[in-house]
Amino acid sequence: MSDLDPKRTPDHLERAFLRPSEPEPFWKTKEFGRFAALAGVALFSLLLFAYFGLRQAEQAERDAELAKAAWPALTAVERQARLDAQTNLFEGALRDSQSGQGFVQTPGYLKLLDSLKRYKPEDVSQRAQRTLDYTTLITDPEPWRGEFVRMRGLVGGMWAERLPGPIFEHKDVWRGLLTDGEGDNGVMFDILERPENADSLHRQAVDVEAVYYRNVAYTAENGETRSVPWILVKSIALVPSAAETSYKATLADNTLLIIALLAFAVLAARVLFSSLRKKRRAVVPAAAPQSIRDVLEANRRKAGIRPSSNASTQSPSRPQSPSDSHQTPPRR
């Protein structure tokens, strides 16, 4: 056995002979590689589609908000009619104040809070059909006083302000600031009942339904006098995240496409595993060797050992016949 590898022992050859050949792992096959490439392309396409879908949904939501917020321009007759009607709104609660004043809690202010308290939330929701138009209220606020409005904004802060007298069981009113997504276009709000999740509303997006009271003047931290809309809020609700709402809208608008992509993935997986099964069935085991010598030589070749020189020339031994047992004696 001089031609044998010293590291290869008879035990090793025996284990190689007894151990069946292991099939190739499926993740190393060409079929799986093709499937992985197709799945990667499909996943990338789906992610790209979802990204642009979310962007389009967010832009559409912003455009819709801007379109709803635009209030119609009033003619001189319409403007005067609205001013005349304010005299009797909320039992005259708007008559003792005007835009440009500070945070003065007039009897009319208290009466408006009391009237709003008596409204049911669903009644206010039904009346609040206009989205607050910041530009209109800054340029011409007076005709719109007493208007039921709705608004979406970020809570810039909230604190308690003592009332001059209790309204029902409330001794304080909760005051806060709402801004747009950029932190601009601030709107002051008062709400009689403290929201349950008030501590967690800072910098959160909320939807409010309210009555526009008037514009209020205040002095900013830099000493500048500003005038912003002031609303009295009936209800305030946390807005679901924009990503979540846009994601749901994208799924709803593109259900058929998503189903088609999933069906493609399932079909590709079925084709892959079917191809693997057929490939394994097509493997025909090698024919059994005719002798122990051939078995050993075959395993030697598999193990990388050079076959012996007489392996291919020597034929298998055959039984000795009776005629072969008779030998001619040597001549003397």
Protein backbone atom coordinates (compact mmCIF):
# COMPACT_ATOMS: atom_id res chain seq x y z
CA MET A 1 0.00 0.00 0.00
CA SER A 2 2.87 2.35 -0.82
CA ASP A 3 0.63 4.35 -3.15
CA LEU A 4 -1.89 5.09 -0.41
CA ASP A 5 -2.06 8.40 1.36
CA PRO A 6 -0.70 7.82 4.86
CA LYS A 7 -3.58 9.84 6.24
CA ARG A 8 -6.04 7.48 4.57
CA THR A 9 -6.50 4.38 6.71
CA PRO A 10 -8.54 1.25 5.98
CA ASP A 11 -11.11 2.53 8.46
CA HIS A 12 -11.39 5.70 6.42
CA LEU A 13 -11.96 3.69 3.25
CA GLU A 14 -14.55 1.60 5.00
CA ARG A 15 -16.41 4.72 6.21
CA ALA A 16 -16.27 6.16 2.69
CA PHE A 17 -17.69 2.92 1.33
CA LEU A 18 -20.50 2.68 3.90
CA ARG A 19 -21.46 6.39 3.98
CA PRO A 20 -23.94 7.32 1.21
CA SER A 21 -23.22 10.40 -0.87
CA GLU A 22 -25.02 13.49 0.49
CA PRO A 23 -27.27 15.48 -1.86
CA GLU A 24 -26.32 19.05 -2.67
CA PRO A 25 -27.98 21.59 -0.28
CA PHE A 26 -30.88 23.30 -1.96
CA TRP A 27 -29.50 26.79 -1.26
CA LYS A 28 -26.44 25.95 -3.39
CA THR A 29 -28.44 24.93 -6.43
CA LYS A 30 -28.80 27.10 -9.53
CA GLU A 31 -32.58 27.00 -9.20
CA PHE A 32 -32.45 28.54 -5.75
CA GLY A 33 -30.07 31.21 -7.00
CA ARG A 34 -32.51 32.17 -9.75
CA PHE A 35 -35.39 32.22 -7.29
CA ALA A 36 -33.44 34.38 -4.84
CA ALA A 37 -32.64 36.85 -7.62
CA LEU A 38 -36.29 37.05 -8.70
CA ALA A 39 -37.43 37.40 -5.08
CA GLY A 40 -34.92 40.20 -4.52
CA VAL A 41 -36.13 42.08 -7.59
CA ALA A 42 -39.77 41.64 -6.51
CA LEU A 43 -39.03 42.79 -2.95
CA PHE A 44 -37.11 45.84 -4.16
CA SER A 45 -39.95 46.73 -6.52
CA LEU A 46 -42.48 46.38 -3.71
CA LEU A 47 -40.46 48.59 -1.35
CA LEU A 48 -39.97 51.20 -4.07
CA PHE A 49 -43.65 51.13 -4.88
CA ALA A 50 -44.60 51.46 -1.20
CA TYR A 51 -42.22 54.40 -0.72
CA PHE A 52 -43.61 56.40 -3.62
CA GLY A 53 -47.13 55.39 -2.64
CA LEU A 54 -46.62 56.83 0.84
CA ARG A 55 -45.18 60.03 -0.58
CA GLN A 56 -48.11 60.45 -2.96
CA ALA A 57 -50.63 59.73 -0.19
CA GLU A 58 -49.03 62.30 2.12
CA GLN A 59 -48.98 64.90 -0.64
CA ALA A 60 -52.61 64.18 -1.51
CA GLU A 61 -53.56 64.58 2.16
CA ARG A 62 -51.80 67.95 2.38
CA ASP A 63 -53.44 69.13 -0.84
CA ALA A 64 -56.84 68.05 0.45
CA GLU A 65 -56.32 69.93 3.72
CA LEU A 66 -55.33 73.08 1.86
CA ALA A 67 -58.32 72.76 -0.45
CA LYS A 68 -60.72 72.36 2.49
CA ALA A 69 -59.13 75.24 4.38
CA ALA A 70 -59.71 77.81 1.64
CA TRP A 71 -62.77 79.85 2.62
CA PRO A 72 -64.79 81.73 0.03
CA ALA A 73 -64.25 85.44 -0.39
CA LEU A 74 -67.19 87.41 1.02
CA THR A 75 -68.96 90.16 -0.83
CA ALA A 76 -69.77 93.35 1.02
CA VAL A 77 -73.37 92.26 1.46
CA GLU A 78 -72.40 88.81 2.77
CA ARG A 79 -69.86 90.29 5.15
CA GLN A 80 -72.40 92.71 6.65
CA ALA A 81 -74.99 89.96 6.95
CA ARG A 82 -72.58 87.85 8.98
CA LEU A 83 -71.72 90.79 11.24
CA ASP A 84 -75.41 91.46 11.88
CA ALA A 85 -76.07 87.82 12.70
CA GLN A 86 -73.31 87.78 15.34
CA THR A 87 -75.42 89.96 17.61
CA ASN A 88 -77.61 87.05 18.65
CA LEU A 89 -75.06 84.21 18.35
CA PHE A 90 -74.66 82.25 21.60
CA GLU A 91 -77.03 84.61 23.38
CA GLY A 92 -74.93 87.65 22.54
CA ALA A 93 -71.65 86.18 23.80
CA LEU A 94 -69.65 87.91 21.04
CA ARG A 95 -70.85 91.46 21.64
CA ASP A 96 -68.48 92.48 24.49
CA SER A 97 -65.19 91.74 22.73
CA GLN A 98 -63.42 92.24 19.42
CA SER A 99 -60.34 90.99 17.64
CA GLY A 100 -57.03 92.53 18.68
CA GLN A 101 -57.69 92.48 22.44
CA GLY A 102 -55.65 90.39 24.85
CA PHE A 103 -56.67 87.35 26.88
CA VAL A 104 -59.60 89.06 28.59
CA GLN A 105 -62.16 86.73 30.16
CA THR A 106 -65.25 88.85 29.56
CA PRO A 107 -68.76 87.74 30.55
CA GLY A 108 -69.32 86.93 26.88
CA TYR A 109 -66.24 84.63 26.91
CA LEU A 110 -67.59 82.79 29.95
CA LYS A 111 -71.04 82.55 28.38
CA LEU A 112 -69.54 81.06 25.21
CA LEU A 113 -67.67 78.45 27.26
CA ASP A 114 -70.90 77.65 29.09
CA SER A 115 -72.85 77.34 25.82
CA LEU A 116 -70.20 75.12 24.26
CA LYS A 117 -70.25 72.90 27.32
CA ARG A 118 -73.95 72.23 26.75
CA TYR A 119 -73.42 71.06 23.16
CA LYS A 120 -73.08 67.34 22.51
CA PRO A 121 -69.82 66.36 20.75
CA GLU A 122 -71.71 64.91 17.78
CA ASP A 123 -73.64 68.18 17.36
CA VAL A 124 -70.41 70.19 17.23
CA SER A 125 -68.89 67.65 14.82
CA GLN A 126 -71.89 68.03 12.53
CA ARG A 127 -71.68 71.82 12.56
CA ALA A 128 -67.90 72.06 12.15
CA GLN A 129 -67.79 71.66 8.37
CA ARG A 130 -65.09 74.28 7.71
CA THR A 131 -61.39 73.70 8.23
CA LEU A 132 -59.81 76.73 9.87
CA ASP A 133 -58.37 79.09 7.23
CA TYR A 134 -55.47 80.84 8.93
CA THR A 135 -54.92 83.39 6.17
CA THR A 136 -58.56 84.50 6.10
CA LEU A 137 -58.74 84.86 9.88
CA ILE A 138 -55.58 86.97 9.97
CA THR A 139 -56.68 89.32 7.17
CA ASP A 140 -60.41 89.67 7.97
CA PRO A 141 -61.41 87.92 11.22
CA GLU A 142 -64.57 89.76 12.30
CA PRO A 143 -67.14 88.23 9.89
CA TRP A 144 -66.15 84.71 10.91
CA ARG A 145 -66.51 85.03 14.66
CA GLY A 146 -68.75 82.33 16.12
CA GLU A 147 -68.03 79.95 13.21
CA PHE A 148 -67.77 76.25 14.02
CA VAL A 149 -64.42 75.02 12.69
CA ARG A 150 -62.16 72.01 12.71
CA MET A 151 -58.40 72.01 12.67
CA ARG A 152 -55.41 69.67 12.67
CA GLY A 153 -52.15 70.82 14.23
CA LEU A 154 -49.27 70.12 16.57
CA VAL A 155 -49.70 70.88 20.27
CA GLY A 156 -47.05 73.41 21.26
CA GLY A 157 -47.96 73.34 24.95
CA MET A 158 -50.87 73.31 27.38
CA TRP A 159 -51.39 74.90 30.78
CA ALA A 160 -54.19 75.79 33.20
CA GLU A 161 -55.72 79.29 33.48
CA ARG A 162 -57.92 80.18 36.48
CA LEU A 163 -61.47 81.24 35.64
CA PRO A 164 -63.06 84.23 37.47
CA GLY A 165 -65.92 81.93 38.42
CA PRO A 166 -66.65 78.23 38.05
CA ILE A 167 -68.43 76.93 34.95
CA PHE A 168 -70.31 73.86 36.10
CA GLU A 169 -67.67 72.05 38.18
CA HIS A 170 -64.68 73.56 36.32
CA LYS A 171 -62.57 76.22 38.02
CA ASP A 172 -59.84 76.29 35.35
CA VAL A 173 -59.69 76.40 31.59
CA TRP A 174 -56.88 74.62 29.75
CA ARG A 175 -55.07 76.84 27.28
CA GLY A 176 -52.66 75.74 24.60
CA LEU A 177 -51.07 76.49 21.25
CA LEU A 178 -51.57 74.70 17.95
CA THR A 179 -49.17 75.10 15.02
CA ASP A 180 -48.72 73.60 11.59
CA GLY A 181 -46.10 70.97 10.84
CA GLU A 182 -43.37 73.60 10.52
CA GLY A 183 -44.19 75.21 13.85
CA ASP A 184 -45.74 78.28 12.20
CA ASN A 185 -49.25 79.74 11.93
CA GLY A 186 -49.98 79.45 15.62
CA VAL A 187 -53.56 79.27 16.92
CA MET A 188 -54.42 79.69 20.60
CA PHE A 189 -57.09 77.40 22.05
CA ASP A 190 -59.01 77.03 25.30
CA ILE A 191 -60.73 73.84 26.37
CA LEU A 192 -62.87 73.56 29.48
CA GLU A 193 -62.17 69.91 30.25
CA ARG A 194 -58.59 68.76 30.59
CA PRO A 195 -57.84 66.06 27.99
CA GLU A 196 -57.19 62.62 29.49
CA ASN A 197 -53.84 62.34 27.71
CA ALA A 198 -52.82 65.99 28.13
CA ASP A 199 -49.34 65.13 29.46
CA SER A 200 -48.47 63.20 26.29
CA LEU A 201 -49.87 65.62 23.71
CA HIS A 202 -46.84 67.89 23.46
CA ARG A 203 -45.63 68.00 19.83
CA GLN A 204 -48.30 65.49 18.89
CA ALA A 205 -50.71 65.94 15.98
CA VAL A 206 -54.32 66.38 17.08
CA ASP A 207 -57.70 67.04 15.51
CA VAL A 208 -59.88 69.63 17.25
CA GLU A 209 -63.48 70.77 16.76
CA ALA A 210 -64.15 74.25 18.08
CA VAL A 211 -65.77 77.65 17.77
CA TYR A 212 -63.72 80.55 16.46
CA TYR A 213 -63.92 83.24 19.15
CA ARG A 214 -61.69 86.06 17.88
CA ASN A 215 -58.08 87.05 17.26
CA VAL A 216 -56.07 87.63 20.40
CA ALA A 217 -53.04 89.89 20.81
CA TYR A 218 -50.09 88.88 22.96
CA THR A 219 -46.44 89.75 23.43
CA ALA A 220 -43.95 87.14 22.24
CA GLU A 221 -40.70 86.31 24.04
CA ASN A 222 -38.79 88.61 21.71
CA GLY A 223 -41.02 91.53 22.69
CA GLU A 224 -42.98 91.51 19.44
CA THR A 225 -46.76 91.93 19.60
CA ARG A 226 -48.58 89.27 17.66
CA SER A 227 -52.21 88.58 16.83
CA VAL A 228 -53.38 85.03 16.21
CA PRO A 229 -56.74 83.23 16.02
CA TRP A 230 -58.29 82.11 19.34
CA ILE A 231 -60.67 79.16 19.35
CA LEU A 232 -62.71 77.50 22.09
CA VAL A 233 -62.41 73.74 21.72
CA LYS A 234 -65.12 71.17 22.35
CA SER A 235 -63.17 67.99 21.53
CA ILE A 236 -59.55 67.10 20.90
CA ALA A 237 -58.30 63.75 19.55
CA LEU A 238 -54.87 62.35 18.83
CA VAL A 239 -54.22 61.79 15.13
CA PRO A 240 -52.88 58.39 14.03
CA SER A 241 -49.37 58.64 12.63
CA ALA A 242 -49.19 59.86 9.06
CA ALA A 243 -47.10 56.83 8.08
CA GLU A 244 -49.76 54.47 9.38
CA THR A 245 -52.67 56.22 7.69
CA SER A 246 -50.77 56.58 4.41
CA TYR A 247 -49.67 52.94 4.56
CA LYS A 248 -53.24 51.78 5.03
CA ALA A 249 -54.41 54.02 2.21
CA THR A 250 -51.70 52.64 -0.08
CA LEU A 251 -52.72 49.08 0.73
CA ALA A 252 -56.37 49.87 0.10
CA ASP A 253 -55.65 51.58 -3.24
CA ASN A 254 -53.30 48.89 -4.56
CA THR A 255 -54.73 45.65 -3.24
CA LEU A 256 -54.78 43.93 -6.65
CA LEU A 257 -51.13 44.73 -7.36
CA ILE A 258 -50.02 43.45 -3.96
CA ILE A 259 -52.01 40.23 -4.46
CA ALA A 260 -50.38 39.80 -7.88
CA LEU A 261 -46.89 40.18 -6.37
CA LEU A 262 -47.67 37.65 -3.64
CA ALA A 263 -49.08 35.22 -6.22
CA PHE A 264 -45.90 35.61 -8.27
CA ALA A 265 -43.76 34.82 -5.22
CA VAL A 266 -45.83 31.72 -4.40
CA LEU A 267 -45.68 30.52 -8.02
CA ALA A 268 -41.92 31.03 -8.18
CA ALA A 269 -41.46 29.05 -4.95
CA ARG A 270 -43.59 26.19 -6.28
CA VAL A 271 -41.59 26.07 -9.53
CA LEU A 272 -38.32 26.07 -7.58
CA PHE A 273 -39.22 23.18 -5.26
CA SER A 274 -40.80 21.23 -8.10
CA SER A 275 -37.58 21.57 -10.08
CA LEU A 276 -35.55 20.41 -7.10
CA ARG A 277 -37.74 17.33 -6.62
CA LYS A 278 -37.44 16.39 -10.29
CA LYS A 279 -33.69 16.87 -10.15
CA ARG A 280 -33.36 14.55 -7.16
CA ARG A 281 -35.57 11.90 -8.75
CA ALA A 282 -33.49 12.01 -11.92
CA VAL A 283 -30.33 11.01 -10.04
CA VAL A 284 -29.77 7.31 -10.78
CA PRO A 285 -27.52 5.46 -8.31
CA ALA A 286 -24.39 3.95 -9.79
CA ALA A 287 -24.45 0.27 -10.64
CA ALA A 288 -23.18 -2.03 -7.94
CA PRO A 289 -19.55 -3.14 -8.40
CA GLN A 290 -18.95 -6.69 -9.52
CA SER A 291 -16.28 -7.45 -6.95
CA ILE A 292 -14.79 -6.25 -3.69
CA ARG A 293 -11.67 -5.12 -5.58
CA ASP A 294 -13.75 -2.87 -7.82
CA VAL A 295 -15.51 -1.41 -4.78
CA LEU A 296 -12.21 -0.61 -3.11
CA GLU A 297 -10.79 0.92 -6.27
CA ALA A 298 -13.89 3.06 -6.77
CA ASN A 299 -13.67 4.38 -3.23
CA ARG A 300 -9.94 4.98 -3.67
CA ARG A 301 -10.67 7.13 -6.70
CA LYS A 302 -13.34 9.08 -4.80
CA ALA A 303 -10.89 9.64 -1.95
CA GLY A 304 -8.28 11.01 -4.39
CA ILE A 305 -5.91 8.00 -4.12
CA ARG A 306 -4.07 6.85 -7.22
CA PRO A 307 -5.39 3.44 -8.27
CA SER A 308 -3.06 0.46 -8.30
CA SER A 309 -1.31 -0.41 -11.58
CA ASN A 310 -2.91 -3.84 -11.97
CA ALA A 311 -6.45 -2.74 -11.08
CA SER A 312 -7.52 -2.39 -14.71
CA THR A 313 -5.74 -5.41 -16.13
CA GLN A 314 -6.31 -8.14 -13.61
CA SER A 315 -9.56 -10.01 -14.09
CA PRO A 316 -11.55 -11.53 -11.29
CA SER A 317 -10.45 -15.02 -10.19
CA ARG A 318 -12.55 -17.97 -11.27
CA PRO A 319 -13.01 -21.38 -9.65
CA GLN A 320 -10.41 -24.01 -10.52
CA SER A 321 -11.70 -26.77 -12.82
CA PRO A 322 -10.83 -30.44 -12.30
CA SER A 323 -8.74 -30.46 -15.46
CA ASP A 324 -6.57 -27.71 -14.06
CA SER A 325 -5.75 -29.79 -11.02
CA HIS A 326 -3.95 -32.35 -13.18
CA GLN A 327 -0.45 -31.06 -13.91
CA THR A 328 2.17 -32.65 -16.14
CA PRO A 329 5.15 -33.77 -14.05
CA PRO A 330 8.42 -32.15 -14.97
CA ARG A 331 10.77 -34.03 -17.22
CA ARG A 332 13.85 -35.37 -15.76
